[in-house]
PDB file of N, CA and C in Angstrom:
ATOM      1  N   MET A   1     118.201 132.809-141.364  1.00  0.00           N
ATOM      2  CA  MET A   1     117.554 134.084-140.568  1.00  0.00           C
ATOM      3  C   MET A   1     115.893 133.254-140.753  1.00  0.00           C
ATOM      4  N   ALA A   2     115.413 133.394-139.643  1.00  0.00           N
ATOM      5  CA  ALA A   2     114.098 133.034-139.316  1.00  0.00           C
ATOM      6  C   ALA A   2     112.905 134.081-139.800  1.00  0.00           C
ATOM      7  N   ASP A   3     111.700 133.928-140.239  1.00  0.00           N
ATOM      8  CA  ASP A   3     111.001 134.851-140.740  1.00  0.00           C
ATOM      9  C   ASP A   3     110.054 134.972-139.407  1.00  0.00           C
ATOM     10  N   VAL A   4     109.549 136.386-139.296  1.00  0.00           N
ATOM     11  CA  VAL A   4     108.995 136.548-137.956  1.00  0.00           C
ATOM     12  C   VAL A   4     107.619 136.909-138.315  1.00  0.00           C
ATOM     13  N   ARG A   5     106.584 136.805-137.758  1.00  0.00           N
ATOM     14  CA  ARG A   5     105.022 136.927-137.943  1.00  0.00           C
ATOM     15  C   ARG A   5     104.485 137.781-136.857  1.00  0.00           C
ATOM     16  N   LEU A   6     103.521 138.690-136.752  1.00  0.00           N
ATOM     17  CA  LEU A   6     102.834 139.454-135.814  1.00  0.00           C
ATOM     18  C   LEU A   6     101.747 139.193-136.215  1.00  0.00           C
ATOM     19  N   VAL A   7     100.930 138.350-135.279  1.00  0.00           N
ATOM     20  CA  VAL A   7      99.627 137.978-135.352  1.00  0.00           C
ATOM     21  C   VAL A   7      98.639 139.032-134.685  1.00  0.00           C
ATOM     22  N   LEU A   8      97.621 139.262-134.911  1.00  0.00           N
ATOM     23  CA  LEU A   8      96.684 140.176-134.530  1.00  0.00           C
ATOM     24  C   LEU A   8      95.549 139.590-134.013  1.00  0.00           C
ATOM     25  N   SER A   9      94.898 139.578-132.744  1.00  0.00           N
ATOM     26  CA  SER A   9      93.604 138.967-132.551  1.00  0.00           C
ATOM     27  C   SER A   9      92.995 140.016-131.541  1.00  0.00           C
ATOM     28  N   THR A  10      91.806 139.975-131.545  1.00  0.00           N
ATOM     29  CA  THR A  10      90.921 140.716-130.637  1.00  0.00           C
ATOM     30  C   THR A  10      90.097 139.688-129.825  1.00  0.00           C
ATOM     31  N   PHE A  11      90.125 140.244-128.330  1.00  0.00           N
ATOM     32  CA  PHE A  11      89.240 139.308-127.585  1.00  0.00           C
ATOM     33  C   PHE A  11      88.264 140.125-126.636  1.00  0.00           C
ATOM     34  N   PRO A  12      86.970 139.542-125.905  1.00  0.00           N
ATOM     35  CA  PRO A  12      85.942 140.386-125.453  1.00  0.00           C
ATOM     36  C   PRO A  12      86.554 141.120-124.007  1.00  0.00           C
ATOM     37  N   ALA A  13      87.671 140.612-123.491  1.00  0.00           N
ATOM     38  CA  ALA A  13      87.976 140.886-122.061  1.00  0.00           C
ATOM     39  C   ALA A  13      89.406 140.829-121.974  1.00  0.00           C
ATOM     40  N   PRO A  14      90.032 141.836-121.086  1.00  0.00           N
ATOM     41  CA  PRO A  14      91.667 141.644-121.002  1.00  0.00           C
ATOM     42  C   PRO A  14      91.819 140.263-120.185  1.00  0.00           C
ATOM     43  N   GLU A  15      91.096 139.479-119.365  1.00  0.00           N
ATOM     44  CA  GLU A  15      91.527 138.528-118.682  1.00  0.00           C
ATOM     45  C   GLU A  15      91.515 137.380-119.658  1.00  0.00           C
ATOM     46  N   LYS A  16      90.241 137.130-120.664  1.00  0.00           N
ATOM     47  CA  LYS A  16      90.347 136.207-121.588  1.00  0.00           C
ATOM     48  C   LYS A  16      91.574 136.086-122.031  1.00  0.00           C
ATOM     49  N   ALA A  17      92.138 137.369-122.691  1.00  0.00           N
ATOM     50  CA  ALA A  17      93.366 137.968-123.489  1.00  0.00           C
ATOM     51  C   ALA A  17      94.726 137.359-123.008  1.00  0.00           C
ATOM     52  N   ALA A  18      94.496 137.558-121.595  1.00  0.00           N
ATOM     53  CA  ALA A  18      95.911 137.113-120.835  1.00  0.00           C
ATOM     54  C   ALA A  18      95.729 135.594-120.791  1.00  0.00           C
ATOM     55  N   GLU A  19      94.581 135.248-120.300  1.00  0.00           N
ATOM     56  CA  GLU A  19      94.470 133.627-120.184  1.00  0.00           C
ATOM     57  C   GLU A  19      95.036 133.073-121.515  1.00  0.00           C
ATOM     58  N   VAL A  20      94.600 133.327-122.785  1.00  0.00           N
ATOM     59  CA  VAL A  20      95.004 132.777-123.975  1.00  0.00           C
ATOM     60  C   VAL A  20      96.547 133.155-124.390  1.00  0.00           C
ATOM     61  N   ALA A  21      96.903 134.127-123.813  1.00  0.00           N
ATOM     62  CA  ALA A  21      98.454 134.731-123.964  1.00  0.00           C
ATOM     63  C   ALA A  21      99.210 133.720-123.388  1.00  0.00           C
ATOM     64  N   LYS A  22      98.935 133.512-122.105  1.00  0.00           N
ATOM     65  CA  LYS A  22      99.892 132.739-121.319  1.00  0.00           C
ATOM     66  C   LYS A  22     100.087 131.435-121.799  1.00  0.00           C
ATOM     67  N   VAL A  23      98.861 130.726-122.222  1.00  0.00           N
ATOM     68  CA  VAL A  23      98.992 129.427-122.802  1.00  0.00           C
ATOM     69  C   VAL A  23     100.132 129.236-123.970  1.00  0.00           C
ATOM     70  N   LEU A  24      99.793 130.285-124.784  1.00  0.00           N
ATOM     71  CA  LEU A  24     100.473 130.374-126.151  1.00  0.00           C
ATOM     72  C   LEU A  24     101.896 130.539-125.983  1.00  0.00           C
ATOM     73  N   VAL A  25     102.432 131.425-124.798  1.00  0.00           N
ATOM     74  CA  VAL A  25     103.667 131.662-124.522  1.00  0.00           C
ATOM     75  C   VAL A  25     104.231 130.347-123.768  1.00  0.00           C
ATOM     76  N   GLU A  26     103.478 129.623-122.716  1.00  0.00           N
ATOM     77  CA  GLU A  26     104.055 128.613-122.389  1.00  0.00           C
ATOM     78  C   GLU A  26     103.941 127.468-123.097  1.00  0.00           C
ATOM     79  N   GLU A  27     103.486 127.526-124.128  1.00  0.00           N
ATOM     80  CA  GLU A  27     103.541 126.202-124.890  1.00  0.00           C
ATOM     81  C   GLU A  27     104.506 126.664-126.075  1.00  0.00           C
ATOM     82  N   ARG A  28     105.289 127.500-126.009  1.00  0.00           N
ATOM     83  CA  ARG A  28     106.291 128.000-126.945  1.00  0.00           C
ATOM     84  C   ARG A  28     105.907 128.418-128.226  1.00  0.00           C
ATOM     85  N   LEU A  29     104.314 128.626-128.482  1.00  0.00           N
ATOM     86  CA  LEU A  29     103.924 128.800-129.824  1.00  0.00           C
ATOM     87  C   LEU A  29     104.256 130.228-130.221  1.00  0.00           C
ATOM     88  N   CYS A  30     104.812 131.135-129.261  1.00  0.00           N
ATOM     89  CA  CYS A  30     105.054 132.375-129.282  1.00  0.00           C
ATOM     90  C   CYS A  30     105.908 132.933-128.532  1.00  0.00           C
ATOM     91  N   ALA A  31     106.796 134.126-128.468  1.00  0.00           N
ATOM     92  CA  ALA A  31     107.685 134.575-127.789  1.00  0.00           C
ATOM     93  C   ALA A  31     107.138 135.667-126.662  1.00  0.00           C
ATOM     94  N   CYS A  32     106.205 136.131-127.352  1.00  0.00           N
ATOM     95  CA  CYS A  32     105.779 137.239-126.526  1.00  0.00           C
ATOM     96  C   CYS A  32     104.218 137.808-127.067  1.00  0.00           C
ATOM     97  N   VAL A  33     103.235 138.370-126.183  1.00  0.00           N
ATOM     98  CA  VAL A  33     102.327 139.002-126.389  1.00  0.00           C
ATOM     99  C   VAL A  33     101.806 139.982-125.669  1.00  0.00           C
ATOM    100  N   ASN A  34     101.514 141.412-126.421  1.00  0.00           N
ATOM    101  CA  ASN A  34     101.336 142.461-126.191  1.00  0.00           C
ATOM    102  C   ASN A  34      99.596 142.604-125.945  1.00  0.00           C
ATOM    103  N   LEU A  35      99.386 143.009-125.018  1.00  0.00           N
ATOM    104  CA  LEU A  35      97.619 143.333-124.791  1.00  0.00           C
ATOM    105  C   LEU A  35      97.652 144.704-124.674  1.00  0.00           C
ATOM    106  N   LEU A  36      96.665 145.274-125.498  1.00  0.00           N
ATOM    107  CA  LEU A  36      96.106 146.363-125.512  1.00  0.00           C
ATOM    108  C   LEU A  36      94.808 146.566-125.155  1.00  0.00           C
ATOM    109  N   PRO A  37      94.528 146.733-123.863  1.00  0.00           N
ATOM    110  CA  PRO A  37      93.183 146.872-123.362  1.00  0.00           C
ATOM    111  C   PRO A  37      92.366 148.279-123.894  1.00  0.00           C
ATOM    112  N   GLN A  38      91.023 148.126-123.940  1.00  0.00           N
ATOM    113  CA  GLN A  38      90.192 149.393-124.440  1.00  0.00           C
ATOM    114  C   GLN A  38      90.326 149.860-125.820  1.00  0.00           C
ATOM    115  N   VAL A  39      90.210 148.711-126.964  1.00  0.00           N
ATOM    116  CA  VAL A  39      90.579 149.115-128.064  1.00  0.00           C
ATOM    117  C   VAL A  39      88.975 148.917-128.557  1.00  0.00           C
ATOM    118  N   ARG A  40      88.664 150.145-129.168  1.00  0.00           N
ATOM    119  CA  ARG A  40      87.107 150.495-129.811  1.00  0.00           C
ATOM    120  C   ARG A  40      87.174 149.840-131.196  1.00  0.00           C
ATOM    121  N   SER A  41      86.351 148.548-131.213  1.00  0.00           N
ATOM    122  CA  SER A  41      86.105 147.964-132.629  1.00  0.00           C
ATOM    123  C   SER A  41      84.685 148.465-133.096  1.00  0.00           C
ATOM    124  N   ILE A  42      84.456 148.846-134.522  1.00  0.00           N
ATOM    125  CA  ILE A  42      83.544 148.940-134.894  1.00  0.00           C
ATOM    126  C   ILE A  42      83.137 148.100-136.087  1.00  0.00           C
ATOM    127  N   TYR A  43      82.403 147.180-136.317  1.00  0.00           N
ATOM    128  CA  TYR A  43      82.530 146.154-136.963  1.00  0.00           C
ATOM    129  C   TYR A  43      80.950 145.673-137.530  1.00  0.00           C
ATOM    130  N   ARG A  44      80.673 145.031-138.575  1.00  0.00           N
ATOM    131  CA  ARG A  44      79.569 144.505-139.235  1.00  0.00           C
ATOM    132  C   ARG A  44      79.517 143.130-138.657  1.00  0.00           C
ATOM    133  N   TRP A  45      78.349 142.692-137.900  1.00  0.00           N
ATOM    134  CA  TRP A  45      78.345 141.220-137.538  1.00  0.00           C
ATOM    135  C   TRP A  45      76.710 140.811-137.589  1.00  0.00           C
ATOM    136  N   GLN A  46      76.738 139.866-138.296  1.00  0.00           N
ATOM    137  CA  GLN A  46      75.232 139.003-138.302  1.00  0.00           C
ATOM    138  C   GLN A  46      74.418 140.343-138.886  1.00  0.00           C
ATOM    139  N   GLY A  47      74.534 140.841-139.830  1.00  0.00           N
ATOM    140  CA  GLY A  47      73.821 142.206-140.359  1.00  0.00           C
ATOM    141  C   GLY A  47      73.754 143.297-139.549  1.00  0.00           C
ATOM    142  N   ALA A  48      74.302 143.317-138.689  1.00  0.00           N
ATOM    143  CA  ALA A  48      74.183 144.691-137.624  1.00  0.00           C
ATOM    144  C   ALA A  48      75.674 145.260-137.647  1.00  0.00           C
ATOM    145  N   VAL A  49      75.695 146.404-137.374  1.00  0.00           N
ATOM    146  CA  VAL A  49      76.917 147.238-136.968  1.00  0.00           C
ATOM    147  C   VAL A  49      77.134 147.460-135.256  1.00  0.00           C
ATOM    148  N   SER A  50      78.182 146.730-134.996  1.00  0.00           N
ATOM    149  CA  SER A  50      78.515 146.568-133.552  1.00  0.00           C
ATOM    150  C   SER A  50      79.446 147.543-133.118  1.00  0.00           C
ATOM    151  N   ASP A  51      79.522 147.922-131.741  1.00  0.00           N
ATOM    152  CA  ASP A  51      80.402 148.971-131.308  1.00  0.00           C
ATOM    153  C   ASP A  51      80.581 148.352-130.116  1.00  0.00           C
ATOM    154  N   ASP A  52      82.112 147.965-129.676  1.00  0.00           N
ATOM    155  CA  ASP A  52      82.260 147.134-128.696  1.00  0.00           C
ATOM    156  C   ASP A  52      83.989 147.674-128.390  1.00  0.00           C
ATOM    157  N   THR A  53      84.227 147.481-126.851  1.00  0.00           N
ATOM    158  CA  THR A  53      85.273 147.739-126.525  1.00  0.00           C
ATOM    159  C   THR A  53      85.909 146.230-126.359  1.00  0.00           C
ATOM    160  N   GLU A  54      87.221 146.144-127.021  1.00  0.00           N
ATOM    161  CA  GLU A  54      87.876 144.799-127.011  1.00  0.00           C
ATOM    162  C   GLU A  54      89.045 145.225-126.429  1.00  0.00           C
ATOM    163  N   THR A  55      89.866 143.668-126.387  1.00  0.00           N
ATOM    164  CA  THR A  55      91.385 143.937-125.868  1.00  0.00           C
ATOM    165  C   THR A  55      92.106 143.442-127.054  1.00  0.00           C
ATOM    166  N   LEU A  56      93.156 144.176-127.808  1.00  0.00           N
ATOM    167  CA  LEU A  56      93.863 143.751-128.859  1.00  0.00           C
ATOM    168  C   LEU A  56      95.161 142.885-128.459  1.00  0.00           C
ATOM    169  N   ALA A  57      95.498 141.794-129.012  1.00  0.00           N
ATOM    170  CA  ALA A  57      96.720 141.019-128.608  1.00  0.00           C
ATOM    171  C   ALA A  57      97.461 141.184-129.876  1.00  0.00           C
ATOM    172  N   ILE A  58      98.831 141.555-129.703  1.00  0.00           N
ATOM    173  CA  ILE A  58     100.029 141.602-130.603  1.00  0.00           C
ATOM    174  C   ILE A  58     100.898 140.472-130.232  1.00  0.00           C
ATOM    175  N   ILE A  59     100.760 139.293-131.422  1.00  0.00           N
ATOM    176  CA  ILE A  59     101.404 137.880-130.836  1.00  0.00           C
ATOM    177  C   ILE A  59     102.619 137.706-131.783  1.00  0.00           C
ATOM    178  N   LYS A  60     103.749 137.680-131.206  1.00  0.00           N
ATOM    179  CA  LYS A  60     105.466 137.487-132.229  1.00  0.00           C
ATOM    180  C   LYS A  60     105.453 136.063-131.932  1.00  0.00           C
ATOM    181  N   THR A  61     105.460 135.844-133.404  1.00  0.00           N
ATOM    182  CA  THR A  61     105.979 134.191-133.308  1.00  0.00           C
ATOM    183  C   THR A  61     106.778 134.144-134.951  1.00  0.00           C
ATOM    184  N   THR A  62     107.607 132.749-134.991  1.00  0.00           N
ATOM    185  CA  THR A  62     107.990 132.631-136.385  1.00  0.00           C
ATOM    186  C   THR A  62     107.041 132.130-137.263  1.00  0.00           C
ATOM    187  N   ALA A  63     107.582 132.324-138.397  1.00  0.00           N
ATOM    188  CA  ALA A  63     106.638 131.536-139.581  1.00  0.00           C
ATOM    189  C   ALA A  63     106.636 130.224-139.489  1.00  0.00           C
ATOM    190  N   GLU A  64     107.484 129.397-138.801  1.00  0.00           N
ATOM    191  CA  GLU A  64     108.063 127.949-138.526  1.00  0.00           C
ATOM    192  C   GLU A  64     106.640 127.543-137.433  1.00  0.00           C
ATOM    193  N   ARG A  65     106.524 128.662-136.662  1.00  0.00           N
ATOM    194  CA  ARG A  65     105.112 128.054-135.415  1.00  0.00           C
ATOM    195  C   ARG A  65     104.166 128.738-135.512  1.00  0.00           C
ATOM    196  N   TYR A  66     103.828 129.488-136.782  1.00  0.00           N
ATOM    197  CA  TYR A  66     102.626 130.034-137.239  1.00  0.00           C
ATOM    198  C   TYR A  66     101.635 129.086-137.221  1.00  0.00           C
ATOM    199  N   GLU A  67     101.524 127.956-137.897  1.00  0.00           N
ATOM    200  CA  GLU A  67     100.570 127.326-138.299  1.00  0.00           C
ATOM    201  C   GLU A  67      99.962 126.332-136.855  1.00  0.00           C
ATOM    202  N   ALA A  68     100.985 125.962-135.867  1.00  0.00           N
ATOM    203  CA  ALA A  68     100.632 125.577-134.706  1.00  0.00           C
ATOM    204  C   ALA A  68      99.835 126.664-133.969  1.00  0.00           C
ATOM    205  N   LEU A  69     100.427 128.064-133.717  1.00  0.00           N
ATOM    206  CA  LEU A  69     100.046 129.236-133.082  1.00  0.00           C
ATOM    207  C   LEU A  69      98.397 129.211-133.685  1.00  0.00           C
ATOM    208  N   ALA A  70      98.251 129.427-134.876  1.00  0.00           N
ATOM    209  CA  ALA A  70      97.114 129.869-135.306  1.00  0.00           C
ATOM    210  C   ALA A  70      96.014 128.688-134.975  1.00  0.00           C
ATOM    211  N   ALA A  71      96.362 127.502-134.895  1.00  0.00           N
ATOM    212  CA  ALA A  71      95.158 126.420-134.495  1.00  0.00           C
ATOM    213  C   ALA A  71      94.996 126.273-132.943  1.00  0.00           C
ATOM    214  N   ARG A  72      95.963 126.805-132.583  1.00  0.00           N
ATOM    215  CA  ARG A  72      95.782 126.786-130.740  1.00  0.00           C
ATOM    216  C   ARG A  72      94.937 127.797-130.695  1.00  0.00           C
ATOM    217  N   LEU A  73      95.248 129.093-131.138  1.00  0.00           N
ATOM    218  CA  LEU A  73      94.541 130.387-130.788  1.00  0.00           C
ATOM    219  C   LEU A  73      93.226 129.919-131.252  1.00  0.00           C
ATOM    220  N   ILE A  74      92.676 129.486-132.179  1.00  0.00           N
ATOM    221  CA  ILE A  74      91.493 129.300-132.688  1.00  0.00           C
ATOM    222  C   ILE A  74      90.556 128.366-131.881  1.00  0.00           C
ATOM    223  N   SER A  75      91.303 127.238-131.171  1.00  0.00           N
ATOM    224  CA  SER A  75      90.869 126.331-130.175  1.00  0.00           C
ATOM    225  C   SER A  75      90.664 126.982-128.848  1.00  0.00           C
ATOM    226  N   LEU A  76      91.419 128.033-128.432  1.00  0.00           N
ATOM    227  CA  LEU A  76      91.088 128.853-127.146  1.00  0.00           C
ATOM    228  C   LEU A  76      90.248 129.756-127.467  1.00  0.00           C
ATOM    229  N   HIS A  77      89.969 130.339-128.292  1.00  0.00           N
ATOM    230  CA  HIS A  77      89.371 131.678-128.735  1.00  0.00           C
ATOM    231  C   HIS A  77      87.874 131.684-128.299  1.00  0.00           C
ATOM    232  N   PRO A  78      87.519 132.593-127.746  1.00  0.00           N
ATOM    233  CA  PRO A  78      86.068 132.776-127.310  1.00  0.00           C
ATOM    234  C   PRO A  78      85.245 133.114-128.344  1.00  0.00           C
ATOM    235  N   TYR A  79      85.564 133.857-129.459  1.00  0.00           N
ATOM    236  CA  TYR A  79      84.553 133.856-130.650  1.00  0.00           C
ATOM    237  C   TYR A  79      84.304 132.804-131.242  1.00  0.00           C
ATOM    238  N   GLU A  80      83.038 132.986-132.367  1.00  0.00           N
ATOM    239  CA  GLU A  80      82.669 132.179-133.208  1.00  0.00           C
ATOM    240  C   GLU A  80      83.612 132.266-134.620  1.00  0.00           C
ATOM    241  N   VAL A  81      84.044 133.726-134.667  1.00  0.00           N
ATOM    242  CA  VAL A  81      85.029 133.788-136.016  1.00  0.00           C
ATOM    243  C   VAL A  81      85.912 134.697-135.349  1.00  0.00           C
ATOM    244  N   PRO A  82      87.157 134.078-134.705  1.00  0.00           N
ATOM    245  CA  PRO A  82      88.343 134.855-134.330  1.00  0.00           C
ATOM    246  C   PRO A  82      89.027 135.556-135.272  1.00  0.00           C
ATOM    247  N   GLU A  83      89.377 137.098-134.964  1.00  0.00           N
ATOM    248  CA  GLU A  83      90.349 137.512-135.674  1.00  0.00           C
ATOM    249  C   GLU A  83      91.948 137.153-135.728  1.00  0.00           C
ATOM    250  N   LEU A  84      92.289 136.755-136.852  1.00  0.00           N
ATOM    251  CA  LEU A  84      93.587 135.971-136.983  1.00  0.00           C
ATOM    252  C   LEU A  84      94.275 136.516-138.003  1.00  0.00           C
ATOM    253  N   ILE A  85      95.066 137.642-137.834  1.00  0.00           N
ATOM    254  CA  ILE A  85      95.674 138.415-139.142  1.00  0.00           C
ATOM    255  C   ILE A  85      97.330 138.229-138.821  1.00  0.00           C
ATOM    256  N   ALA A  86      98.034 137.753-139.791  1.00  0.00           N
ATOM    257  CA  ALA A  86      99.212 137.644-139.773  1.00  0.00           C
ATOM    258  C   ALA A  86     100.193 138.721-140.743  1.00  0.00           C
ATOM    259  N   LEU A  87     101.016 139.275-139.809  1.00  0.00           N
ATOM    260  CA  LEU A  87     101.864 140.149-140.886  1.00  0.00           C
ATOM    261  C   LEU A  87     103.162 139.737-140.755  1.00  0.00           C
ATOM    262  N   SER A  88     103.988 140.106-141.786  1.00  0.00           N
ATOM    263  CA  SER A  88     105.192 139.526-141.949  1.00  0.00           C
ATOM    264  C   SER A  88     106.026 140.922-142.203  1.00  0.00           C
ATOM    265  N   PRO A  89     106.625 141.125-140.971  1.00  0.00           N
ATOM    266  CA  PRO A  89     107.776 142.228-140.833  1.00  0.00           C
ATOM    267  C   PRO A  89     108.906 142.152-142.009  1.00  0.00           C
ATOM    268  N   THR A  90     109.541 143.102-142.564  1.00  0.00           N
ATOM    269  CA  THR A  90     110.564 143.067-143.498  1.00  0.00           C
ATOM    270  C   THR A  90     111.796 143.230-142.790  1.00  0.00           C
ATOM    271  N   ASP A  91     111.997 143.917-141.494  1.00  0.00           N
ATOM    272  CA  ASP A  91     113.115 144.331-141.010  1.00  0.00           C
ATOM    273  C   ASP A  91     112.808 144.032-139.261  1.00  0.00           C
ATOM    274  N   VAL A  92     113.709 143.075-138.741  1.00  0.00           N
ATOM    275  CA  VAL A  92     113.496 142.902-137.215  1.00  0.00           C
ATOM    276  C   VAL A  92     115.037 143.189-136.717  1.00  0.00           C
ATOM    277  N   HIS A  93     115.296 143.828-135.407  1.00  0.00           N
ATOM    278  CA  HIS A  93     116.614 143.841-134.842  1.00  0.00           C
ATOM    279  C   HIS A  93     117.135 142.357-134.576  1.00  0.00           C
ATOM    280  N   ALA A  94     118.195 141.962-135.186  1.00  0.00           N
ATOM    281  CA  ALA A  94     119.012 140.812-134.778  1.00  0.00           C
ATOM    282  C   ALA A  94     118.832 140.339-133.651  1.00  0.00           C
ATOM    283  N   PRO A  95     119.285 140.914-132.408  1.00  0.00           N
ATOM    284  CA  PRO A  95     119.270 140.327-131.169  1.00  0.00           C
ATOM    285  C   PRO A  95     117.666 140.029-130.666  1.00  0.00           C
ATOM    286  N   TYR A  96     116.911 140.903-131.020  1.00  0.00           N
ATOM    287  CA  TYR A  96     115.424 140.481-130.655  1.00  0.00           C
ATOM    288  C   TYR A  96     115.054 139.313-131.528  1.00  0.00           C
ATOM    289  N   LEU A  97     115.343 139.087-132.626  1.00  0.00           N
ATOM    290  CA  LEU A  97     114.889 138.008-133.616  1.00  0.00           C
ATOM    291  C   LEU A  97     115.798 136.745-132.917  1.00  0.00           C
ATOM    292  N   ALA A  98     116.956 136.872-132.547  1.00  0.00           N
ATOM    293  CA  ALA A  98     117.611 135.951-131.859  1.00  0.00           C
ATOM    294  C   ALA A  98     116.812 135.412-130.811  1.00  0.00           C
ATOM    295  N   TRP A  99     116.289 136.342-129.717  1.00  0.00           N
ATOM    296  CA  TRP A  99     115.502 135.997-128.521  1.00  0.00           C
ATOM    297  C   TRP A  99     114.111 135.160-128.921  1.00  0.00           C
ATOM    298  N   LEU A 100     113.607 135.716-130.190  1.00  0.00           N
ATOM    299  CA  LEU A 100     112.421 135.164-130.335  1.00  0.00           C
ATOM    300  C   LEU A 100     112.336 133.775-130.993  1.00  0.00           C
ATOM    301  N   VAL A 101     113.458 133.562-131.689  1.00  0.00           N
ATOM    302  CA  VAL A 101     113.788 132.201-132.073  1.00  0.00           C
ATOM    303  C   VAL A 101     113.849 131.150-130.817  1.00  0.00           C
ATOM    304  N   ALA A 102     114.799 131.595-130.081  1.00  0.00           N
ATOM    305  CA  ALA A 102     115.049 130.926-128.784  1.00  0.00           C
ATOM    306  C   ALA A 102     113.832 130.457-128.138  1.00  0.00           C
ATOM    307  N   SER A 103     113.124 131.617-127.955  1.00  0.00           N
ATOM    308  CA  SER A 103     112.050 131.555-126.840  1.00  0.00           C
ATOM    309  C   SER A 103     110.713 130.502-127.614  1.00  0.00           C
ATOM    310  N   THR A 104     110.816 130.309-128.907  1.00  0.00           N
ATOM    311  CA  THR A 104     109.793 129.572-129.565  1.00  0.00           C
ATOM    312  C   THR A 104     110.366 128.217-129.840  1.00  0.00           C
ATOM    313  N   ALA A 105     111.612 127.671-129.653  1.00  0.00           N
ATOM    314  CA  ALA A 105     112.274 126.789-130.087  1.00  0.00           C
ATOM    315  C   ALA A 105     111.644 125.409-129.300  1.00  0.00           C
ATOM    316  N   THR A 106     111.459 124.474-129.991  1.00  0.00           N
ATOM    317  CA  THR A 106     110.704 123.270-129.169  1.00  0.00           C
ATOM    318  C   THR A 106     111.753 122.018-128.801  1.00  0.00           C
ATOM    319  N   ASP A 107     113.039 121.953-129.094  1.00  0.00           N
ATOM    320  CA  ASP A 107     114.029 121.128-128.702  1.00  0.00           C
ATOM    321  C   ASP A 107     114.311 121.340-127.465  1.00  0.00           C
TER     322      ASP A 107
END
């Protein structure tokens, strides 16, 4: 049974998030990316508090493909320090897991 990773990353605009998402899916680094536009992010950056609207990407991949996905995401990302947080779900619906594994297979 493969381990799933949910990867979170924010982008400055929906168009950029969609562009990166398409590359990641086309290259089989992930099975799916959900884009949630209009996320309000309040954070500290370069000594100041920022308040921006961003697009949140929820990226579904396997543990096996995670390192390649992370490297590619960082190379495509417009931010100097991209958000890259990987979560490991404890339960995944078996048919969904099978689809995810098949969608990221490189053979």
